Amino acid sequence: MRRATTLKPRLIAVDGVEASAVLAAAKAALAASTPGAPGARGGISRWDASGIFQDLAVADDEAGVPSARTLLLLYAADLAFRLRWQIRPALAEGRTVVVAPYVDTAIAFGRAAGLQAGWLTNLFSFAPRAGERHFVHHREAHATGAKGFVAFACDRTSGGADSPTCRRMLDETAARLRRAAKPTASRRRPV
């Protein structure tokens, strides 16, 4: 008689600035994490699964310009939604879930925007630690396709994607993620 195998849940984080590179890395991480075991795949949880940012993107000018703090609070709300409806259910079934992007991207953006590390760490303290962390350092100067969280947030807070302030925030976020990827960085250390 054949014994049933128990699937071991895995939470994998993929963080980076450029959306298409993060998604490509997430797909590769998912495929590599479950070779020969497609039943263990839970999928990829992407930012804005809740639609919060999609609603913000179509809001008229009367809605005003959101601050970086507001955008991070919305990111945390979206992440809570993803945890409730996508990530935790898949993990409970013993599946592998890749979260793209996860907490490090949001914290790096917040630090680039000048927010305090303690506030950011506290904001995302509800998020479980990932068993694996991958960092994507590729960043195109003018990425094509859908915007990721960082590009969306920079565009909203700094007067457009081509503004010097937006480019500086993108570069600073990418630099903070590179530092977070170093082996000496702790798992919960603010970037």
N, C-alpha and C. Protein backbone atom coordinates (compact mmCIF):
# COMPACT_ATOMS: atom_id res chain seq x y z
N MET A 1 0.84 -1.17 0.00
CA MET A 1 0.00 0.00 0.00
C MET A 1 0.89 1.25 0.00
N ARG A 2 0.50 2.22 -0.75
CA ARG A 2 1.27 3.44 -0.90
C ARG A 2 0.89 4.43 0.19
N ARG A 3 1.91 5.04 0.83
CA ARG A 3 1.65 6.02 1.87
C ARG A 3 1.36 7.38 1.24
N ALA A 4 0.43 8.08 1.82
CA ALA A 4 0.13 9.44 1.35
C ALA A 4 1.24 10.36 1.81
N THR A 5 1.67 11.20 0.92
CA THR A 5 2.71 12.15 1.29
C THR A 5 2.05 13.46 1.73
N THR A 6 2.62 14.03 2.75
CA THR A 6 2.12 15.30 3.23
C THR A 6 2.91 16.41 2.56
N LEU A 7 2.21 17.35 1.99
CA LEU A 7 2.88 18.48 1.34
C LEU A 7 3.34 19.46 2.41
N LYS A 8 4.54 19.97 2.24
CA LYS A 8 5.09 20.94 3.18
C LYS A 8 4.88 22.34 2.61
N PRO A 9 4.17 23.19 3.35
CA PRO A 9 3.93 24.55 2.83
C PRO A 9 5.20 25.37 2.79
N ARG A 10 5.30 26.23 1.77
CA ARG A 10 6.46 27.10 1.63
C ARG A 10 6.00 28.49 1.21
N LEU A 11 6.53 29.47 1.90
CA LEU A 11 6.26 30.87 1.57
C LEU A 11 7.56 31.47 1.04
N ILE A 12 7.52 31.92 -0.21
CA ILE A 12 8.69 32.48 -0.88
C ILE A 12 8.40 33.93 -1.24
N ALA A 13 9.30 34.82 -0.85
CA ALA A 13 9.15 36.25 -1.17
C ALA A 13 10.08 36.61 -2.32
N VAL A 14 9.55 37.38 -3.25
CA VAL A 14 10.36 37.94 -4.34
C VAL A 14 10.16 39.45 -4.29
N ASP A 15 11.25 40.16 -4.05
CA ASP A 15 11.16 41.61 -3.92
C ASP A 15 12.06 42.29 -4.93
N GLY A 16 11.59 43.44 -5.42
CA GLY A 16 12.34 44.21 -6.38
C GLY A 16 11.53 45.42 -6.83
N VAL A 17 12.15 46.25 -7.64
CA VAL A 17 11.52 47.49 -8.09
C VAL A 17 10.76 47.31 -9.39
N GLU A 18 11.32 46.61 -10.35
CA GLU A 18 10.74 46.53 -11.69
C GLU A 18 9.75 45.36 -11.79
N ALA A 19 8.51 45.66 -12.10
CA ALA A 19 7.41 44.69 -12.04
C ALA A 19 7.62 43.46 -12.91
N SER A 20 8.01 43.64 -14.16
CA SER A 20 8.13 42.47 -15.04
C SER A 20 9.27 41.57 -14.59
N ALA A 21 10.35 42.13 -14.08
CA ALA A 21 11.47 41.32 -13.58
C ALA A 21 11.06 40.57 -12.31
N VAL A 22 10.30 41.20 -11.44
CA VAL A 22 9.82 40.55 -10.22
C VAL A 22 8.89 39.39 -10.58
N LEU A 23 8.00 39.61 -11.53
CA LEU A 23 7.08 38.54 -11.93
C LEU A 23 7.82 37.38 -12.57
N ALA A 24 8.79 37.67 -13.42
CA ALA A 24 9.58 36.60 -14.05
C ALA A 24 10.33 35.80 -12.99
N ALA A 25 10.90 36.48 -12.00
CA ALA A 25 11.62 35.79 -10.91
C ALA A 25 10.65 34.97 -10.07
N ALA A 26 9.44 35.48 -9.86
CA ALA A 26 8.44 34.75 -9.09
C ALA A 26 8.04 33.45 -9.80
N LYS A 27 7.85 33.53 -11.11
CA LYS A 27 7.51 32.34 -11.88
C LYS A 27 8.64 31.31 -11.82
N ALA A 28 9.88 31.79 -11.93
CA ALA A 28 11.03 30.89 -11.86
C ALA A 28 11.15 30.26 -10.48
N ALA A 29 10.92 31.05 -9.43
CA ALA A 29 11.01 30.53 -8.06
C ALA A 29 9.94 29.48 -7.81
N LEU A 30 8.74 29.71 -8.33
CA LEU A 30 7.66 28.73 -8.15
C LEU A 30 7.99 27.43 -8.87
N ALA A 31 8.46 27.54 -10.11
CA ALA A 31 8.80 26.34 -10.88
C ALA A 31 9.94 25.57 -10.22
N ALA A 32 10.95 26.29 -9.72
CA ALA A 32 12.10 25.63 -9.10
C ALA A 32 11.76 25.01 -7.74
N SER A 33 10.78 25.58 -7.07
CA SER A 33 10.46 25.10 -5.72
C SER A 33 9.62 23.83 -5.72
N THR A 34 8.99 23.53 -6.83
CA THR A 34 8.11 22.36 -6.86
C THR A 34 8.37 21.48 -8.08
N PRO A 35 9.64 21.16 -8.39
CA PRO A 35 9.88 20.32 -9.57
C PRO A 35 9.32 18.92 -9.34
N GLY A 36 8.58 18.45 -10.29
CA GLY A 36 8.00 17.11 -10.19
C GLY A 36 6.85 17.00 -9.21
N ALA A 37 6.44 18.11 -8.62
CA ALA A 37 5.34 18.08 -7.65
C ALA A 37 4.36 19.21 -7.92
N PRO A 38 3.71 19.19 -9.10
CA PRO A 38 2.83 20.30 -9.43
C PRO A 38 1.67 20.45 -8.44
N GLY A 39 1.31 19.39 -7.71
CA GLY A 39 0.24 19.49 -6.72
C GLY A 39 0.62 20.35 -5.53
N ALA A 40 1.93 20.62 -5.38
CA ALA A 40 2.40 21.44 -4.27
C ALA A 40 2.38 22.93 -4.61
N ARG A 41 2.13 23.27 -5.87
CA ARG A 41 2.12 24.67 -6.27
C ARG A 41 0.84 25.36 -5.83
N GLY A 42 1.02 26.47 -5.17
CA GLY A 42 -0.13 27.27 -4.77
C GLY A 42 -0.29 28.47 -5.68
N GLY A 43 0.80 28.88 -6.29
CA GLY A 43 0.72 30.00 -7.22
C GLY A 43 1.47 31.22 -6.74
N ILE A 44 1.22 32.31 -7.44
CA ILE A 44 1.88 33.58 -7.17
C ILE A 44 0.83 34.57 -6.68
N SER A 45 1.12 35.20 -5.56
CA SER A 45 0.26 36.24 -5.02
C SER A 45 0.88 37.58 -5.40
N ARG A 46 0.19 38.35 -6.22
CA ARG A 46 0.71 39.63 -6.72
C ARG A 46 0.08 40.80 -5.99
N TRP A 47 0.80 41.90 -5.97
CA TRP A 47 0.28 43.10 -5.32
C TRP A 47 -0.99 43.56 -6.03
N ASP A 48 -1.84 44.22 -5.34
CA ASP A 48 -3.13 44.74 -5.77
C ASP A 48 -4.14 43.65 -6.10
N ALA A 49 -4.04 42.53 -5.43
CA ALA A 49 -5.06 41.50 -5.60
C ALA A 49 -6.42 41.99 -5.12
N SER A 50 -6.43 42.93 -4.19
CA SER A 50 -7.67 43.46 -3.64
C SER A 50 -8.32 44.50 -4.54
N GLY A 51 -7.55 45.08 -5.46
CA GLY A 51 -8.08 46.12 -6.35
C GLY A 51 -7.99 47.52 -5.78
N ILE A 52 -7.39 47.68 -4.61
CA ILE A 52 -7.29 49.00 -3.99
C ILE A 52 -6.57 49.98 -4.89
N PHE A 53 -5.45 49.56 -5.44
CA PHE A 53 -4.64 50.46 -6.26
C PHE A 53 -5.27 50.69 -7.63
N GLN A 54 -5.98 49.70 -8.12
CA GLN A 54 -6.70 49.88 -9.38
C GLN A 54 -7.76 50.97 -9.21
N ASP A 55 -8.45 50.96 -8.07
CA ASP A 55 -9.43 52.00 -7.79
C ASP A 55 -8.76 53.37 -7.67
N LEU A 56 -7.60 53.40 -7.04
CA LEU A 56 -6.87 54.65 -6.88
C LEU A 56 -6.40 55.19 -8.23
N ALA A 57 -6.01 54.29 -9.11
CA ALA A 57 -5.51 54.70 -10.43
C ALA A 57 -6.59 55.39 -11.26
N VAL A 58 -7.83 55.03 -11.07
CA VAL A 58 -8.90 55.62 -11.87
C VAL A 58 -9.63 56.75 -11.13
N ALA A 59 -9.17 57.05 -9.91
CA ALA A 59 -9.81 58.12 -9.14
C ALA A 59 -9.55 59.46 -9.83
N ASP A 60 -10.52 60.35 -9.74
CA ASP A 60 -10.33 61.66 -10.37
C ASP A 60 -9.43 62.55 -9.52
N ASP A 61 -9.08 63.69 -10.04
CA ASP A 61 -8.14 64.60 -9.38
C ASP A 61 -8.64 65.10 -8.02
N GLU A 62 -9.95 65.09 -7.83
CA GLU A 62 -10.51 65.54 -6.56
C GLU A 62 -10.11 64.63 -5.40
N ALA A 63 -9.67 63.42 -5.71
CA ALA A 63 -9.24 62.50 -4.66
C ALA A 63 -7.95 62.98 -4.00
N GLY A 64 -7.21 63.82 -4.68
CA GLY A 64 -5.97 64.36 -4.13
C GLY A 64 -4.78 63.45 -4.37
N VAL A 65 -3.63 63.92 -3.95
CA VAL A 65 -2.37 63.18 -4.11
C VAL A 65 -2.10 62.44 -2.80
N PRO A 66 -1.99 61.12 -2.85
CA PRO A 66 -1.74 60.38 -1.61
C PRO A 66 -0.28 60.52 -1.17
N SER A 67 -0.07 60.46 0.11
CA SER A 67 1.30 60.48 0.64
C SER A 67 1.89 59.08 0.56
N ALA A 68 3.19 58.99 0.73
CA ALA A 68 3.85 57.68 0.77
C ALA A 68 3.29 56.86 1.93
N ARG A 69 3.03 57.48 3.06
CA ARG A 69 2.47 56.78 4.22
C ARG A 69 1.09 56.19 3.88
N THR A 70 0.27 56.97 3.19
CA THR A 70 -1.06 56.48 2.80
C THR A 70 -0.93 55.29 1.85
N LEU A 71 -0.03 55.39 0.88
CA LEU A 71 0.16 54.29 -0.06
C LEU A 71 0.66 53.03 0.64
N LEU A 72 1.51 53.18 1.64
CA LEU A 72 2.00 52.01 2.38
C LEU A 72 0.91 51.41 3.26
N LEU A 73 0.05 52.25 3.82
CA LEU A 73 -1.10 51.72 4.56
C LEU A 73 -2.02 50.93 3.63
N LEU A 74 -2.22 51.43 2.41
CA LEU A 74 -3.01 50.70 1.43
C LEU A 74 -2.32 49.41 1.01
N TYR A 75 -0.99 49.44 0.86
CA TYR A 75 -0.24 48.22 0.53
C TYR A 75 -0.41 47.19 1.64
N ALA A 76 -0.34 47.63 2.89
CA ALA A 76 -0.54 46.72 4.02
C ALA A 76 -1.95 46.13 4.00
N ALA A 77 -2.94 46.94 3.67
CA ALA A 77 -4.32 46.44 3.57
C ALA A 77 -4.43 45.41 2.44
N ASP A 78 -3.79 45.68 1.32
CA ASP A 78 -3.80 44.73 0.20
C ASP A 78 -3.08 43.44 0.59
N LEU A 79 -1.97 43.56 1.30
CA LEU A 79 -1.25 42.36 1.74
C LEU A 79 -2.09 41.56 2.73
N ALA A 80 -2.81 42.22 3.62
CA ALA A 80 -3.70 41.52 4.55
C ALA A 80 -4.78 40.76 3.76
N PHE A 81 -5.31 41.39 2.73
CA PHE A 81 -6.29 40.73 1.85
C PHE A 81 -5.68 39.49 1.21
N ARG A 82 -4.47 39.63 0.66
CA ARG A 82 -3.81 38.50 0.01
C ARG A 82 -3.53 37.38 1.00
N LEU A 83 -3.11 37.74 2.22
CA LEU A 83 -2.87 36.71 3.23
C LEU A 83 -4.15 35.96 3.55
N ARG A 84 -5.24 36.69 3.70
CA ARG A 84 -6.52 36.06 4.07
C ARG A 84 -7.09 35.19 2.96
N TRP A 85 -7.04 35.65 1.73
CA TRP A 85 -7.75 34.97 0.66
C TRP A 85 -6.87 34.14 -0.28
N GLN A 86 -5.57 34.38 -0.30
CA GLN A 86 -4.70 33.64 -1.22
C GLN A 86 -3.62 32.85 -0.49
N ILE A 87 -2.83 33.54 0.31
CA ILE A 87 -1.61 32.95 0.85
C ILE A 87 -1.88 31.92 1.93
N ARG A 88 -2.57 32.31 2.99
CA ARG A 88 -2.80 31.37 4.10
C ARG A 88 -3.61 30.15 3.69
N PRO A 89 -4.66 30.28 2.87
CA PRO A 89 -5.38 29.07 2.44
C PRO A 89 -4.49 28.09 1.68
N ALA A 90 -3.63 28.62 0.80
CA ALA A 90 -2.73 27.74 0.04
C ALA A 90 -1.71 27.09 0.95
N LEU A 91 -1.16 27.84 1.90
CA LEU A 91 -0.21 27.27 2.85
C LEU A 91 -0.87 26.20 3.72
N ALA A 92 -2.12 26.43 4.10
CA ALA A 92 -2.85 25.45 4.91
C ALA A 92 -3.04 24.13 4.17
N GLU A 93 -3.06 24.19 2.85
CA GLU A 93 -3.18 22.97 2.03
C GLU A 93 -1.81 22.37 1.72
N GLY A 94 -0.75 22.94 2.29
CA GLY A 94 0.59 22.41 2.07
C GLY A 94 1.21 22.84 0.76
N ARG A 95 0.74 23.92 0.20
CA ARG A 95 1.24 24.38 -1.10
C ARG A 95 2.34 25.43 -0.95
N THR A 96 3.03 25.66 -2.05
CA THR A 96 4.05 26.70 -2.13
C THR A 96 3.42 27.95 -2.71
N VAL A 97 3.66 29.07 -2.04
CA VAL A 97 3.15 30.35 -2.52
C VAL A 97 4.32 31.32 -2.65
N VAL A 98 4.39 31.97 -3.81
CA VAL A 98 5.39 33.00 -4.05
C VAL A 98 4.66 34.34 -3.98
N VAL A 99 5.16 35.23 -3.14
CA VAL A 99 4.54 36.54 -2.97
C VAL A 99 5.44 37.57 -3.67
N ALA A 100 4.85 38.27 -4.65
CA ALA A 100 5.63 39.17 -5.49
C ALA A 100 4.91 40.50 -5.71
N PRO A 101 5.40 41.56 -5.14
CA PRO A 101 6.45 41.67 -4.14
C PRO A 101 5.88 41.41 -2.75
N TYR A 102 6.80 41.40 -1.77
CA TYR A 102 6.39 41.13 -0.40
C TYR A 102 6.77 42.34 0.47
N VAL A 103 7.17 42.10 1.68
CA VAL A 103 7.37 43.16 2.66
C VAL A 103 8.61 44.00 2.39
N ASP A 104 9.71 43.39 1.98
CA ASP A 104 10.94 44.15 1.81
C ASP A 104 10.81 45.26 0.78
N THR A 105 10.04 45.03 -0.27
CA THR A 105 9.85 46.08 -1.28
C THR A 105 9.14 47.28 -0.67
N ALA A 106 8.09 47.03 0.08
CA ALA A 106 7.32 48.12 0.68
C ALA A 106 8.17 48.88 1.69
N ILE A 107 8.93 48.17 2.51
CA ILE A 107 9.78 48.83 3.50
C ILE A 107 10.86 49.66 2.81
N ALA A 108 11.46 49.12 1.77
CA ALA A 108 12.50 49.86 1.04
C ALA A 108 11.93 51.14 0.44
N PHE A 109 10.73 51.06 -0.13
CA PHE A 109 10.09 52.26 -0.67
C PHE A 109 9.82 53.26 0.45
N GLY A 110 9.30 52.78 1.57
CA GLY A 110 9.01 53.67 2.69
C GLY A 110 10.25 54.39 3.20
N ARG A 111 11.35 53.66 3.32
CA ARG A 111 12.60 54.28 3.76
C ARG A 111 13.09 55.30 2.73
N ALA A 112 12.96 54.97 1.43
CA ALA A 112 13.36 55.91 0.38
C ALA A 112 12.51 57.18 0.43
N ALA A 113 11.26 57.04 0.88
CA ALA A 113 10.36 58.18 0.99
C ALA A 113 10.55 58.95 2.29
N GLY A 114 11.46 58.46 3.17
CA GLY A 114 11.77 59.18 4.39
C GLY A 114 10.98 58.75 5.62
N LEU A 115 10.27 57.64 5.54
CA LEU A 115 9.50 57.18 6.69
C LEU A 115 10.40 56.43 7.67
N GLN A 116 10.05 56.45 8.94
CA GLN A 116 10.86 55.83 9.98
C GLN A 116 10.83 54.31 9.89
N ALA A 117 11.99 53.70 10.12
CA ALA A 117 12.13 52.25 10.05
C ALA A 117 11.22 51.56 11.07
N GLY A 118 11.13 52.10 12.27
CA GLY A 118 10.29 51.49 13.31
C GLY A 118 8.82 51.45 12.92
N TRP A 119 8.35 52.54 12.33
CA TRP A 119 6.95 52.59 11.91
C TRP A 119 6.69 51.55 10.83
N LEU A 120 7.60 51.43 9.89
CA LEU A 120 7.45 50.46 8.80
C LEU A 120 7.49 49.02 9.31
N THR A 121 8.42 48.74 10.20
CA THR A 121 8.53 47.39 10.76
C THR A 121 7.25 47.04 11.50
N ASN A 122 6.74 47.98 12.28
CA ASN A 122 5.49 47.75 13.01
C ASN A 122 4.31 47.55 12.05
N LEU A 123 4.26 48.36 11.00
CA LEU A 123 3.16 48.26 10.03
C LEU A 123 3.07 46.86 9.43
N PHE A 124 4.20 46.25 9.13
CA PHE A 124 4.20 44.95 8.47
C PHE A 124 4.48 43.79 9.41
N SER A 125 4.36 44.02 10.70
CA SER A 125 4.63 42.96 11.67
C SER A 125 3.62 41.82 11.59
N PHE A 126 2.47 42.04 10.99
CA PHE A 126 1.46 40.99 10.85
C PHE A 126 1.83 39.95 9.80
N ALA A 127 2.75 40.29 8.92
CA ALA A 127 3.10 39.41 7.80
C ALA A 127 4.05 38.30 8.26
N PRO A 128 3.73 37.06 7.93
CA PRO A 128 4.63 35.97 8.32
C PRO A 128 5.95 36.05 7.57
N ARG A 129 6.98 35.55 8.20
CA ARG A 129 8.30 35.53 7.55
C ARG A 129 8.30 34.53 6.42
N ALA A 130 8.95 34.91 5.37
CA ALA A 130 9.09 34.00 4.22
C ALA A 130 10.21 33.01 4.52
N GLY A 131 10.02 31.77 4.10
CA GLY A 131 11.06 30.77 4.27
C GLY A 131 12.21 30.99 3.32
N GLU A 132 11.92 31.61 2.19
CA GLU A 132 12.95 31.96 1.19
C GLU A 132 12.71 33.39 0.76
N ARG A 133 13.80 34.10 0.52
CA ARG A 133 13.70 35.47 0.03
C ARG A 133 14.57 35.61 -1.22
N HIS A 134 13.99 36.17 -2.26
CA HIS A 134 14.70 36.43 -3.51
C HIS A 134 14.60 37.92 -3.80
N PHE A 135 15.70 38.49 -4.25
CA PHE A 135 15.73 39.90 -4.58
C PHE A 135 16.09 40.06 -6.05
N VAL A 136 15.33 40.88 -6.75
CA VAL A 136 15.55 41.14 -8.16
C VAL A 136 16.18 42.52 -8.26
N HIS A 137 17.38 42.57 -8.78
CA HIS A 137 18.10 43.84 -8.84
C HIS A 137 18.02 44.51 -10.20
N HIS A 138 17.43 43.83 -11.16
CA HIS A 138 17.29 44.42 -12.49
C HIS A 138 16.27 45.54 -12.42
N ARG A 139 16.61 46.68 -12.99
CA ARG A 139 15.67 47.79 -13.07
C ARG A 139 15.88 48.51 -14.37
N GLU A 140 14.82 48.51 -15.18
CA GLU A 140 14.88 49.22 -16.46
C GLU A 140 14.61 50.70 -16.22
N ALA A 141 15.27 51.53 -16.99
CA ALA A 141 15.05 52.98 -16.86
C ALA A 141 13.61 53.34 -17.20
N HIS A 142 13.08 52.75 -18.25
CA HIS A 142 11.69 52.99 -18.64
C HIS A 142 11.04 51.64 -18.89
N ALA A 143 10.54 51.04 -17.83
CA ALA A 143 9.93 49.72 -17.93
C ALA A 143 8.64 49.80 -18.72
N THR A 144 8.37 48.74 -19.44
CA THR A 144 7.14 48.67 -20.21
C THR A 144 6.17 47.73 -19.50
N GLY A 145 4.92 47.81 -19.84
CA GLY A 145 3.93 46.93 -19.25
C GLY A 145 3.37 47.52 -17.96
N ALA A 146 2.77 46.65 -17.15
CA ALA A 146 2.13 47.08 -15.93
C ALA A 146 3.15 47.60 -14.92
N LYS A 147 2.75 48.58 -14.16
CA LYS A 147 3.62 49.12 -13.12
C LYS A 147 3.57 48.23 -11.90
N GLY A 148 4.70 48.15 -11.24
CA GLY A 148 4.75 47.50 -9.95
C GLY A 148 4.39 48.50 -8.87
N PHE A 149 4.39 48.04 -7.63
CA PHE A 149 4.03 48.93 -6.52
C PHE A 149 4.95 50.14 -6.44
N VAL A 150 6.23 49.94 -6.53
CA VAL A 150 7.18 51.05 -6.35
C VAL A 150 7.00 52.10 -7.44
N ALA A 151 6.90 51.68 -8.69
CA ALA A 151 6.71 52.64 -9.79
C ALA A 151 5.38 53.37 -9.63
N PHE A 152 4.34 52.64 -9.25
CA PHE A 152 3.03 53.25 -9.04
C PHE A 152 3.11 54.29 -7.93
N ALA A 153 3.73 53.91 -6.81
CA ALA A 153 3.81 54.81 -5.66
C ALA A 153 4.67 56.03 -5.97
N CYS A 154 5.79 55.83 -6.64
CA CYS A 154 6.65 56.96 -7.01
C CYS A 154 5.91 57.92 -7.94
N ASP A 155 5.21 57.36 -8.90
CA ASP A 155 4.45 58.16 -9.86
C ASP A 155 3.40 59.01 -9.14
N ARG A 156 2.73 58.39 -8.16
CA ARG A 156 1.65 59.08 -7.44
C ARG A 156 2.15 60.15 -6.49
N THR A 157 3.30 59.93 -5.88
CA THR A 157 3.76 60.85 -4.83
C THR A 157 4.72 61.92 -5.31
N SER A 158 5.28 61.77 -6.52
CA SER A 158 6.36 62.69 -6.89
C SER A 158 6.16 63.41 -8.21
N GLY A 159 4.96 63.51 -8.68
CA GLY A 159 4.70 64.32 -9.87
C GLY A 159 4.96 63.65 -11.19
N GLY A 160 4.87 62.35 -11.26
CA GLY A 160 5.00 61.65 -12.53
C GLY A 160 6.24 60.80 -12.61
N ALA A 161 6.16 59.77 -13.45
CA ALA A 161 7.22 58.78 -13.57
C ALA A 161 8.53 59.36 -14.10
N ASP A 162 8.47 60.44 -14.85
CA ASP A 162 9.68 61.02 -15.42
C ASP A 162 10.30 62.12 -14.57
N SER A 163 9.71 62.39 -13.41
CA SER A 163 10.25 63.47 -12.58
C SER A 163 11.55 63.03 -11.90
N PRO A 164 12.44 63.97 -11.63
CA PRO A 164 13.69 63.63 -10.93
C PRO A 164 13.43 63.00 -9.56
N THR A 165 12.39 63.46 -8.88
CA THR A 165 12.07 62.91 -7.56
C THR A 165 11.67 61.44 -7.68
N CYS A 166 10.90 61.11 -8.68
CA CYS A 166 10.48 59.72 -8.89
C CYS A 166 11.69 58.85 -9.21
N ARG A 167 12.54 59.31 -10.09
CA ARG A 167 13.74 58.53 -10.43
C ARG A 167 14.64 58.33 -9.21
N ARG A 168 14.77 59.37 -8.38
CA ARG A 168 15.58 59.26 -7.17
C ARG A 168 14.98 58.22 -6.21
N MET A 169 13.66 58.24 -6.05
CA MET A 169 13.00 57.28 -5.16
C MET A 169 13.14 55.85 -5.69
N LEU A 170 13.01 55.68 -6.99
CA LEU A 170 13.21 54.35 -7.58
C LEU A 170 14.63 53.84 -7.34
N ASP A 171 15.60 54.72 -7.56
CA ASP A 171 17.01 54.34 -7.36
C ASP A 171 17.29 54.04 -5.89
N GLU A 172 16.77 54.87 -5.00
CA GLU A 172 16.98 54.66 -3.56
C GLU A 172 16.31 53.37 -3.08
N THR A 173 15.12 53.09 -3.57
CA THR A 173 14.43 51.84 -3.21
C THR A 173 15.25 50.65 -3.68
N ALA A 174 15.74 50.70 -4.92
CA ALA A 174 16.56 49.61 -5.45
C ALA A 174 17.84 49.44 -4.63
N ALA A 175 18.47 50.53 -4.23
CA ALA A 175 19.69 50.45 -3.42
C ALA A 175 19.41 49.82 -2.07
N ARG A 176 18.29 50.18 -1.46
CA ARG A 176 17.93 49.59 -0.16
C ARG A 176 17.64 48.10 -0.29
N LEU A 177 17.04 47.69 -1.39
CA LEU A 177 16.79 46.26 -1.60
C LEU A 177 18.10 45.51 -1.82
N ARG A 178 19.04 46.12 -2.51
CA ARG A 178 20.35 45.47 -2.67
C ARG A 178 21.02 45.25 -1.32
N ARG A 179 20.92 46.26 -0.44
CA ARG A 179 21.50 46.10 0.90
C ARG A 179 20.77 45.02 1.70
N ALA A 180 19.46 44.93 1.54
CA ALA A 180 18.68 43.92 2.27
C ALA A 180 19.02 42.52 1.80
N ALA A 181 19.46 42.39 0.57
CA ALA A 181 19.76 41.07 0.00
C ALA A 181 21.09 40.51 0.48
N LYS A 182 21.93 41.35 1.08
CA LYS A 182 23.23 40.86 1.55
C LYS A 182 23.03 39.83 2.65
N PRO A 183 23.86 38.81 2.67
CA PRO A 183 23.71 37.72 3.65
C PRO A 183 23.72 38.15 5.10
N THR A 184 24.32 39.28 5.42
CA THR A 184 24.37 39.72 6.81
C THR A 184 23.08 40.38 7.27
N ALA A 185 22.20 40.71 6.33
CA ALA A 185 20.94 41.36 6.70
C ALA A 185 20.04 40.37 7.41
N SER A 186 19.45 40.79 8.52
CA SER A 186 18.53 39.90 9.23
C SER A 186 17.20 39.86 8.50
N ARG A 187 16.39 38.90 8.82
CA ARG A 187 15.12 38.72 8.13
C ARG A 187 14.14 39.86 8.39
N ARG A 188 14.17 40.50 9.53
CA ARG A 188 13.21 41.53 9.84
C ARG A 188 13.82 42.91 9.97
N ARG A 189 15.09 43.04 9.61
CA ARG A 189 15.76 44.32 9.71
C ARG A 189 15.20 45.29 8.68
N PRO A 190 14.83 46.48 9.10
CA PRO A 190 14.31 47.45 8.12
C PRO A 190 15.38 47.78 7.10
N VAL A 191 14.97 47.90 5.86
CA VAL A 191 15.93 48.18 4.79
C VAL A 191 16.01 49.66 4.47
